[in-house]
Amino acid sequence: MTTFLTLGGAVECRQCNAKSKRTQQRCKAPAIKGKTKCRFHGGRSTGPRTPEGKARIAEAHTIHGRETRQKRLDTSYKLAELYQLEELGHRCGLFPEGTERTRGRKPKGVSVASRQLSYLNELVQEERKEAILERLWAIVYD
C-alpha cells in the first residue's frame, strides 16, 4: 500500500487499493483512516441489509432533528384541530367578514379533528362561538 501526502503535504495517508476493471489502474483517492479503500470503493458501512437489521435501526432512530415521531404526530393533530376550529369559526361568523384564512396545506388528521369537533355543529350559534373560543384558548395556552 502506497502512502502519499494530501492537503498540500499536510496529511500523510494510504492510497486506495481498488483497481479499475478496464484499465487495471489503481484508484488515486486517499483511503479512509484505518481502511484500505476510499469512500467510493467501500471504505464505509453501507448500512443494514436484512429486514431485521433495518427494523432495529428504525426502532433506534426515533428522533428527526429535535422531535420524536410521537411529538410530530401530536403537533399534526393539534394543527388539524386548529384548522377545523378556524373553519367552524368562519362559518358561524366568529371572525369579521374579510378575515383571511390560514394559508398552506391542510394538516394531517383533519378528518379525525372534524369527527371530534362534530358536537360543535349541534350547538346554537352563540354557544358555538363560546365553545370554539374556549377550545382555541385551551390549545394555545396549554
N, C-alpha and C. Protein backbone atom coordinates (compact mmCIF):
# COMPACT_ATOMS: atom_id res chain seq x y z
N MET A 1 0.84 -1.17 0.00
CA MET A 1 0.00 0.00 0.00
C MET A 1 0.89 1.23 0.00
N THR A 2 0.61 2.12 -0.91
CA THR A 2 1.40 3.33 -1.06
C THR A 2 0.90 4.42 -0.13
N THR A 3 1.83 5.13 0.49
CA THR A 3 1.44 6.30 1.28
C THR A 3 1.77 7.54 0.47
N PHE A 4 0.91 8.53 0.57
CA PHE A 4 1.19 9.77 -0.13
C PHE A 4 0.64 10.94 0.68
N LEU A 5 1.01 12.13 0.29
CA LEU A 5 0.62 13.34 1.02
C LEU A 5 -0.58 13.99 0.36
N THR A 6 -1.50 14.48 1.19
CA THR A 6 -2.67 15.20 0.68
C THR A 6 -2.78 16.53 1.42
N LEU A 7 -3.73 17.33 1.05
CA LEU A 7 -3.96 18.66 1.64
C LEU A 7 -2.69 19.50 1.61
N GLY A 8 -2.06 19.55 0.48
CA GLY A 8 -0.86 20.37 0.33
C GLY A 8 0.32 19.87 1.13
N GLY A 9 0.39 18.55 1.34
CA GLY A 9 1.50 17.97 2.07
C GLY A 9 1.31 17.95 3.57
N ALA A 10 0.13 18.32 4.05
CA ALA A 10 -0.10 18.39 5.48
C ALA A 10 -0.50 17.04 6.08
N VAL A 11 -1.13 16.18 5.28
CA VAL A 11 -1.63 14.91 5.80
C VAL A 11 -1.01 13.76 5.00
N GLU A 12 -0.46 12.79 5.73
CA GLU A 12 0.08 11.60 5.09
C GLU A 12 -0.94 10.48 5.24
N CYS A 13 -1.30 9.83 4.14
CA CYS A 13 -2.32 8.77 4.21
C CYS A 13 -2.01 7.67 3.20
N ARG A 14 -2.78 6.61 3.29
CA ARG A 14 -2.62 5.50 2.35
C ARG A 14 -3.42 5.78 1.09
N GLN A 15 -3.03 5.10 0.03
CA GLN A 15 -3.76 5.21 -1.23
C GLN A 15 -4.74 4.04 -1.31
N CYS A 16 -5.92 4.29 -1.85
CA CYS A 16 -6.93 3.25 -2.04
C CYS A 16 -6.34 2.15 -2.92
N ASN A 17 -6.61 0.88 -2.56
CA ASN A 17 -6.03 -0.21 -3.35
C ASN A 17 -7.02 -0.83 -4.34
N ALA A 18 -8.11 -0.13 -4.64
CA ALA A 18 -9.06 -0.62 -5.65
C ALA A 18 -8.48 -0.41 -7.04
N LYS A 19 -8.78 -1.39 -7.93
CA LYS A 19 -8.29 -1.31 -9.32
C LYS A 19 -9.45 -1.24 -10.28
N SER A 20 -9.23 -0.55 -11.38
CA SER A 20 -10.22 -0.46 -12.43
C SER A 20 -10.26 -1.77 -13.20
N LYS A 21 -11.46 -2.25 -13.55
CA LYS A 21 -11.57 -3.48 -14.33
C LYS A 21 -11.05 -3.28 -15.75
N ARG A 22 -11.33 -2.10 -16.29
CA ARG A 22 -10.98 -1.85 -17.68
C ARG A 22 -9.50 -1.54 -17.87
N THR A 23 -8.98 -0.60 -17.08
CA THR A 23 -7.60 -0.15 -17.31
C THR A 23 -6.59 -0.78 -16.36
N GLN A 24 -7.07 -1.45 -15.33
CA GLN A 24 -6.20 -2.05 -14.32
C GLN A 24 -5.35 -1.03 -13.56
N GLN A 25 -5.75 0.21 -13.58
CA GLN A 25 -5.03 1.23 -12.81
C GLN A 25 -5.65 1.36 -11.42
N ARG A 26 -4.80 1.70 -10.46
CA ARG A 26 -5.26 1.87 -9.10
C ARG A 26 -6.00 3.19 -8.94
N CYS A 27 -6.91 3.20 -8.01
CA CYS A 27 -7.63 4.42 -7.66
C CYS A 27 -6.63 5.39 -7.03
N LYS A 28 -6.76 6.65 -7.35
CA LYS A 28 -5.81 7.64 -6.85
C LYS A 28 -6.33 8.40 -5.63
N ALA A 29 -7.49 8.00 -5.11
CA ALA A 29 -8.06 8.67 -3.95
C ALA A 29 -7.42 8.15 -2.66
N PRO A 30 -7.39 8.97 -1.61
CA PRO A 30 -6.85 8.50 -0.33
C PRO A 30 -7.82 7.54 0.35
N ALA A 31 -7.28 6.52 0.99
CA ALA A 31 -8.10 5.56 1.72
C ALA A 31 -8.60 6.19 3.02
N ILE A 32 -9.72 5.69 3.49
CA ILE A 32 -10.25 6.15 4.77
C ILE A 32 -9.33 5.68 5.87
N LYS A 33 -9.18 6.48 6.91
CA LYS A 33 -8.27 6.17 8.00
C LYS A 33 -8.58 4.79 8.59
N GLY A 34 -7.56 3.95 8.64
CA GLY A 34 -7.70 2.61 9.18
C GLY A 34 -8.27 1.60 8.20
N LYS A 35 -8.55 1.98 6.99
CA LYS A 35 -9.14 1.10 5.96
C LYS A 35 -8.20 1.03 4.77
N THR A 36 -8.54 0.15 3.84
CA THR A 36 -7.72 0.02 2.63
C THR A 36 -8.42 0.60 1.40
N LYS A 37 -9.67 1.02 1.56
CA LYS A 37 -10.44 1.55 0.43
C LYS A 37 -10.84 3.00 0.70
N CYS A 38 -11.12 3.72 -0.39
CA CYS A 38 -11.57 5.10 -0.28
C CYS A 38 -13.08 5.12 -0.07
N ARG A 39 -13.64 6.30 0.03
CA ARG A 39 -15.07 6.43 0.27
C ARG A 39 -15.90 5.96 -0.92
N PHE A 40 -15.31 5.93 -2.10
CA PHE A 40 -16.04 5.49 -3.29
C PHE A 40 -16.05 3.99 -3.46
N HIS A 41 -15.06 3.30 -2.89
CA HIS A 41 -14.89 1.87 -3.13
C HIS A 41 -15.17 1.00 -1.92
N GLY A 42 -15.95 1.47 -0.97
CA GLY A 42 -16.39 0.61 0.12
C GLY A 42 -15.66 0.80 1.41
N GLY A 43 -15.19 1.99 1.66
CA GLY A 43 -14.49 2.22 2.91
C GLY A 43 -15.43 2.37 4.09
N ARG A 44 -16.67 2.74 3.85
CA ARG A 44 -17.63 2.94 4.92
C ARG A 44 -18.73 1.89 4.86
N SER A 45 -19.47 1.76 5.96
CA SER A 45 -20.56 0.81 6.03
C SER A 45 -21.69 1.24 5.10
N THR A 46 -22.37 0.29 4.52
CA THR A 46 -23.49 0.58 3.64
C THR A 46 -24.82 0.45 4.36
N GLY A 47 -24.77 0.14 5.65
CA GLY A 47 -26.00 0.05 6.44
C GLY A 47 -26.57 -1.35 6.47
N PRO A 48 -27.66 -1.55 7.21
CA PRO A 48 -28.25 -2.88 7.34
C PRO A 48 -28.89 -3.34 6.05
N ARG A 49 -28.82 -4.63 5.80
CA ARG A 49 -29.38 -5.21 4.57
C ARG A 49 -30.64 -6.05 4.86
N THR A 50 -30.66 -6.76 5.98
CA THR A 50 -31.77 -7.66 6.28
C THR A 50 -32.94 -6.88 6.86
N PRO A 51 -34.15 -7.41 6.74
CA PRO A 51 -35.32 -6.74 7.34
C PRO A 51 -35.18 -6.56 8.86
N GLU A 52 -34.56 -7.56 9.53
CA GLU A 52 -34.37 -7.45 10.98
C GLU A 52 -33.43 -6.29 11.31
N GLY A 53 -32.35 -6.17 10.53
CA GLY A 53 -31.40 -5.09 10.76
C GLY A 53 -32.01 -3.73 10.50
N LYS A 54 -32.81 -3.63 9.45
CA LYS A 54 -33.47 -2.36 9.13
C LYS A 54 -34.48 -1.99 10.21
N ALA A 55 -35.21 -2.98 10.73
CA ALA A 55 -36.17 -2.72 11.80
C ALA A 55 -35.46 -2.25 13.06
N ARG A 56 -34.32 -2.85 13.36
CA ARG A 56 -33.55 -2.48 14.54
C ARG A 56 -33.09 -1.02 14.44
N ILE A 57 -32.62 -0.63 13.26
CA ILE A 57 -32.17 0.75 13.05
C ILE A 57 -33.35 1.71 13.14
N ALA A 58 -34.49 1.35 12.53
CA ALA A 58 -35.66 2.22 12.56
C ALA A 58 -36.16 2.41 13.99
N GLU A 59 -36.09 1.36 14.80
CA GLU A 59 -36.51 1.46 16.20
C GLU A 59 -35.58 2.37 16.98
N ALA A 60 -34.30 2.31 16.69
CA ALA A 60 -33.32 3.10 17.42
C ALA A 60 -33.37 4.57 17.04
N HIS A 61 -33.66 4.87 15.79
CA HIS A 61 -33.67 6.26 15.31
C HIS A 61 -35.08 6.81 15.31
N THR A 62 -35.55 7.23 16.48
CA THR A 62 -36.89 7.78 16.56
C THR A 62 -36.88 9.29 16.50
N ILE A 63 -35.71 9.89 16.51
CA ILE A 63 -35.63 11.34 16.53
C ILE A 63 -35.20 11.87 15.17
N HIS A 64 -35.94 12.88 14.68
CA HIS A 64 -35.57 13.56 13.45
C HIS A 64 -35.42 15.02 13.82
N GLY A 65 -34.21 15.50 13.78
CA GLY A 65 -34.00 16.87 14.23
C GLY A 65 -34.14 16.93 15.73
N ARG A 66 -35.08 17.70 16.22
CA ARG A 66 -35.29 17.82 17.66
C ARG A 66 -36.60 17.21 18.11
N GLU A 67 -37.29 16.50 17.23
CA GLU A 67 -38.61 15.97 17.56
C GLU A 67 -38.66 14.46 17.41
N THR A 68 -39.38 13.81 18.30
CA THR A 68 -39.65 12.39 18.13
C THR A 68 -40.82 12.24 17.18
N ARG A 69 -41.05 11.04 16.70
CA ARG A 69 -42.19 10.81 15.81
C ARG A 69 -43.50 11.12 16.52
N GLN A 70 -43.57 10.74 17.80
CA GLN A 70 -44.80 10.99 18.56
C GLN A 70 -45.07 12.48 18.70
N LYS A 71 -44.01 13.26 18.92
CA LYS A 71 -44.19 14.71 19.06
C LYS A 71 -44.67 15.32 17.75
N ARG A 72 -44.13 14.85 16.62
CA ARG A 72 -44.59 15.35 15.32
C ARG A 72 -46.04 14.99 15.08
N LEU A 73 -46.45 13.77 15.50
CA LEU A 73 -47.83 13.34 15.33
C LEU A 73 -48.76 14.18 16.19
N ASP A 74 -48.36 14.44 17.44
CA ASP A 74 -49.17 15.29 18.32
C ASP A 74 -49.33 16.70 17.75
N THR A 75 -48.24 17.25 17.22
CA THR A 75 -48.28 18.58 16.62
C THR A 75 -49.23 18.60 15.43
N SER A 76 -49.18 17.56 14.63
CA SER A 76 -50.04 17.47 13.46
C SER A 76 -51.52 17.44 13.87
N TYR A 77 -51.84 16.68 14.92
CA TYR A 77 -53.23 16.62 15.38
C TYR A 77 -53.70 17.97 15.94
N LYS A 78 -52.82 18.66 16.65
CA LYS A 78 -53.20 19.97 17.18
C LYS A 78 -53.43 20.96 16.04
N LEU A 79 -52.57 20.92 15.02
CA LEU A 79 -52.75 21.81 13.87
C LEU A 79 -54.04 21.49 13.12
N ALA A 80 -54.37 20.19 13.04
CA ALA A 80 -55.62 19.80 12.39
C ALA A 80 -56.82 20.32 13.17
N GLU A 81 -56.72 20.25 14.49
CA GLU A 81 -57.82 20.75 15.32
C GLU A 81 -57.96 22.27 15.17
N LEU A 82 -56.83 22.98 15.15
CA LEU A 82 -56.88 24.44 14.94
C LEU A 82 -57.49 24.78 13.59
N TYR A 83 -57.11 24.03 12.56
CA TYR A 83 -57.65 24.26 11.22
C TYR A 83 -59.16 24.09 11.23
N GLN A 84 -59.62 23.01 11.87
CA GLN A 84 -61.04 22.73 11.90
C GLN A 84 -61.79 23.80 12.71
N LEU A 85 -61.21 24.23 13.82
CA LEU A 85 -61.83 25.29 14.61
C LEU A 85 -61.91 26.60 13.82
N GLU A 86 -60.87 26.88 13.06
CA GLU A 86 -60.88 28.09 12.24
C GLU A 86 -62.00 28.02 11.20
N GLU A 87 -62.15 26.86 10.58
CA GLU A 87 -63.22 26.70 9.58
C GLU A 87 -64.60 26.90 10.21
N LEU A 88 -64.79 26.28 11.39
CA LEU A 88 -66.07 26.45 12.07
C LEU A 88 -66.29 27.91 12.47
N GLY A 89 -65.24 28.59 12.92
CA GLY A 89 -65.34 30.00 13.29
C GLY A 89 -65.74 30.88 12.12
N HIS A 90 -65.19 30.59 10.94
CA HIS A 90 -65.56 31.37 9.75
C HIS A 90 -67.02 31.12 9.38
N ARG A 91 -67.46 29.86 9.51
CA ARG A 91 -68.83 29.52 9.13
C ARG A 91 -69.87 30.14 10.06
N CYS A 92 -69.56 30.22 11.36
CA CYS A 92 -70.57 30.72 12.29
C CYS A 92 -70.45 32.22 12.53
N GLY A 93 -69.51 32.90 11.86
CA GLY A 93 -69.41 34.34 11.97
C GLY A 93 -68.58 34.82 13.14
N LEU A 94 -67.72 33.98 13.65
CA LEU A 94 -66.86 34.37 14.77
C LEU A 94 -65.83 35.40 14.34
N PHE A 95 -65.35 35.27 13.11
CA PHE A 95 -64.36 36.20 12.59
C PHE A 95 -65.06 37.24 11.71
N PRO A 96 -64.58 38.49 11.71
CA PRO A 96 -65.20 39.53 10.88
C PRO A 96 -65.11 39.17 9.39
N GLU A 97 -66.04 39.69 8.64
CA GLU A 97 -66.07 39.45 7.19
C GLU A 97 -64.78 39.94 6.55
N GLY A 98 -64.17 39.16 5.69
CA GLY A 98 -62.94 39.53 5.01
C GLY A 98 -61.67 39.08 5.72
N THR A 99 -61.81 38.44 6.88
CA THR A 99 -60.63 37.93 7.58
C THR A 99 -60.01 36.80 6.77
N GLU A 100 -58.71 36.88 6.55
CA GLU A 100 -58.04 35.84 5.77
C GLU A 100 -57.95 34.55 6.54
N ARG A 101 -58.01 33.46 5.79
CA ARG A 101 -57.84 32.13 6.40
C ARG A 101 -56.35 31.81 6.43
N THR A 102 -56.00 30.88 7.30
CA THR A 102 -54.61 30.46 7.40
C THR A 102 -54.19 29.83 6.09
N ARG A 103 -53.03 30.23 5.60
CA ARG A 103 -52.56 29.73 4.31
C ARG A 103 -51.80 28.43 4.49
N GLY A 104 -51.68 27.68 3.42
CA GLY A 104 -50.92 26.44 3.44
C GLY A 104 -51.82 25.23 3.27
N ARG A 105 -51.18 24.09 3.24
CA ARG A 105 -51.94 22.86 3.02
C ARG A 105 -52.65 22.45 4.29
N LYS A 106 -53.64 21.56 4.13
CA LYS A 106 -54.35 21.05 5.29
C LYS A 106 -53.42 20.13 6.08
N PRO A 107 -53.42 20.22 7.40
CA PRO A 107 -52.59 19.32 8.19
C PRO A 107 -53.16 17.91 8.19
N LYS A 108 -52.31 16.93 8.50
CA LYS A 108 -52.77 15.54 8.58
C LYS A 108 -53.73 15.41 9.76
N GLY A 109 -54.73 14.57 9.61
CA GLY A 109 -55.65 14.31 10.71
C GLY A 109 -56.84 15.24 10.75
N VAL A 110 -57.13 15.94 9.67
CA VAL A 110 -58.27 16.86 9.65
C VAL A 110 -59.57 16.09 9.82
N SER A 111 -59.67 14.91 9.23
CA SER A 111 -60.90 14.13 9.35
C SER A 111 -61.13 13.68 10.79
N VAL A 112 -60.06 13.35 11.52
CA VAL A 112 -60.18 12.95 12.92
C VAL A 112 -60.65 14.14 13.74
N ALA A 113 -60.05 15.30 13.52
CA ALA A 113 -60.44 16.52 14.24
C ALA A 113 -61.87 16.90 13.92
N SER A 114 -62.28 16.69 12.68
CA SER A 114 -63.64 17.00 12.27
C SER A 114 -64.64 16.15 13.04
N ARG A 115 -64.33 14.87 13.20
CA ARG A 115 -65.21 13.98 13.96
C ARG A 115 -65.24 14.36 15.44
N GLN A 116 -64.08 14.73 15.99
CA GLN A 116 -64.01 15.10 17.40
C GLN A 116 -64.78 16.38 17.69
N LEU A 117 -64.80 17.30 16.76
CA LEU A 117 -65.46 18.58 16.97
C LEU A 117 -66.86 18.65 16.38
N SER A 118 -67.41 17.50 15.97
CA SER A 118 -68.74 17.50 15.35
C SER A 118 -69.84 17.97 16.31
N TYR A 119 -69.59 17.83 17.61
CA TYR A 119 -70.59 18.27 18.58
C TYR A 119 -70.81 19.79 18.50
N LEU A 120 -69.83 20.53 18.01
CA LEU A 120 -69.97 22.00 17.91
C LEU A 120 -71.03 22.40 16.89
N ASN A 121 -71.23 21.56 15.88
CA ASN A 121 -72.23 21.89 14.85
C ASN A 121 -73.65 21.85 15.39
N GLU A 122 -73.87 21.09 16.49
CA GLU A 122 -75.21 20.95 17.04
C GLU A 122 -75.56 22.06 18.03
N LEU A 123 -74.60 22.90 18.39
CA LEU A 123 -74.85 23.97 19.35
C LEU A 123 -75.50 25.18 18.67
N VAL A 124 -76.16 25.98 19.48
CA VAL A 124 -76.70 27.24 19.00
C VAL A 124 -75.52 28.14 18.66
N GLN A 125 -75.72 29.09 17.74
CA GLN A 125 -74.61 29.88 17.22
C GLN A 125 -73.80 30.58 18.32
N GLU A 126 -74.46 31.19 19.29
CA GLU A 126 -73.73 31.89 20.35
C GLU A 126 -72.94 30.90 21.21
N GLU A 127 -73.56 29.77 21.54
CA GLU A 127 -72.86 28.75 22.32
C GLU A 127 -71.68 28.18 21.53
N ARG A 128 -71.88 28.02 20.22
CA ARG A 128 -70.81 27.50 19.36
C ARG A 128 -69.62 28.45 19.37
N LYS A 129 -69.87 29.75 19.27
CA LYS A 129 -68.79 30.73 19.29
C LYS A 129 -68.01 30.64 20.60
N GLU A 130 -68.75 30.57 21.72
CA GLU A 130 -68.09 30.47 23.03
C GLU A 130 -67.27 29.18 23.14
N ALA A 131 -67.82 28.07 22.66
CA ALA A 131 -67.12 26.78 22.74
C ALA A 131 -65.86 26.79 21.87
N ILE A 132 -65.95 27.40 20.70
CA ILE A 132 -64.78 27.48 19.81
C ILE A 132 -63.69 28.33 20.47
N LEU A 133 -64.08 29.47 21.03
CA LEU A 133 -63.10 30.33 21.70
C LEU A 133 -62.45 29.63 22.89
N GLU A 134 -63.24 28.91 23.68
CA GLU A 134 -62.69 28.17 24.82
C GLU A 134 -61.68 27.13 24.36
N ARG A 135 -62.04 26.41 23.29
CA ARG A 135 -61.13 25.37 22.79
C ARG A 135 -59.85 25.99 22.23
N LEU A 136 -59.97 27.12 21.53
CA LEU A 136 -58.78 27.81 21.00
C LEU A 136 -57.88 28.27 22.14
N TRP A 137 -58.44 28.84 23.19
CA TRP A 137 -57.64 29.26 24.34
C TRP A 137 -56.92 28.07 24.97
N ALA A 138 -57.63 26.94 25.08
CA ALA A 138 -57.02 25.74 25.67
C ALA A 138 -55.85 25.24 24.84
N ILE A 139 -55.98 25.27 23.52
CA ILE A 139 -54.89 24.79 22.66
C ILE A 139 -53.71 25.73 22.70
N VAL A 140 -53.98 27.02 22.58
CA VAL A 140 -52.89 28.00 22.50
C VAL A 140 -52.12 28.11 23.82
N TYR A 141 -52.81 28.08 24.93
CA TYR A 141 -52.15 28.32 26.21
C TYR A 141 -51.85 27.05 27.00
N ASP A 142 -51.96 25.90 26.43
CA ASP A 142 -51.55 24.64 27.10
C ASP A 142 -50.18 24.20 26.70
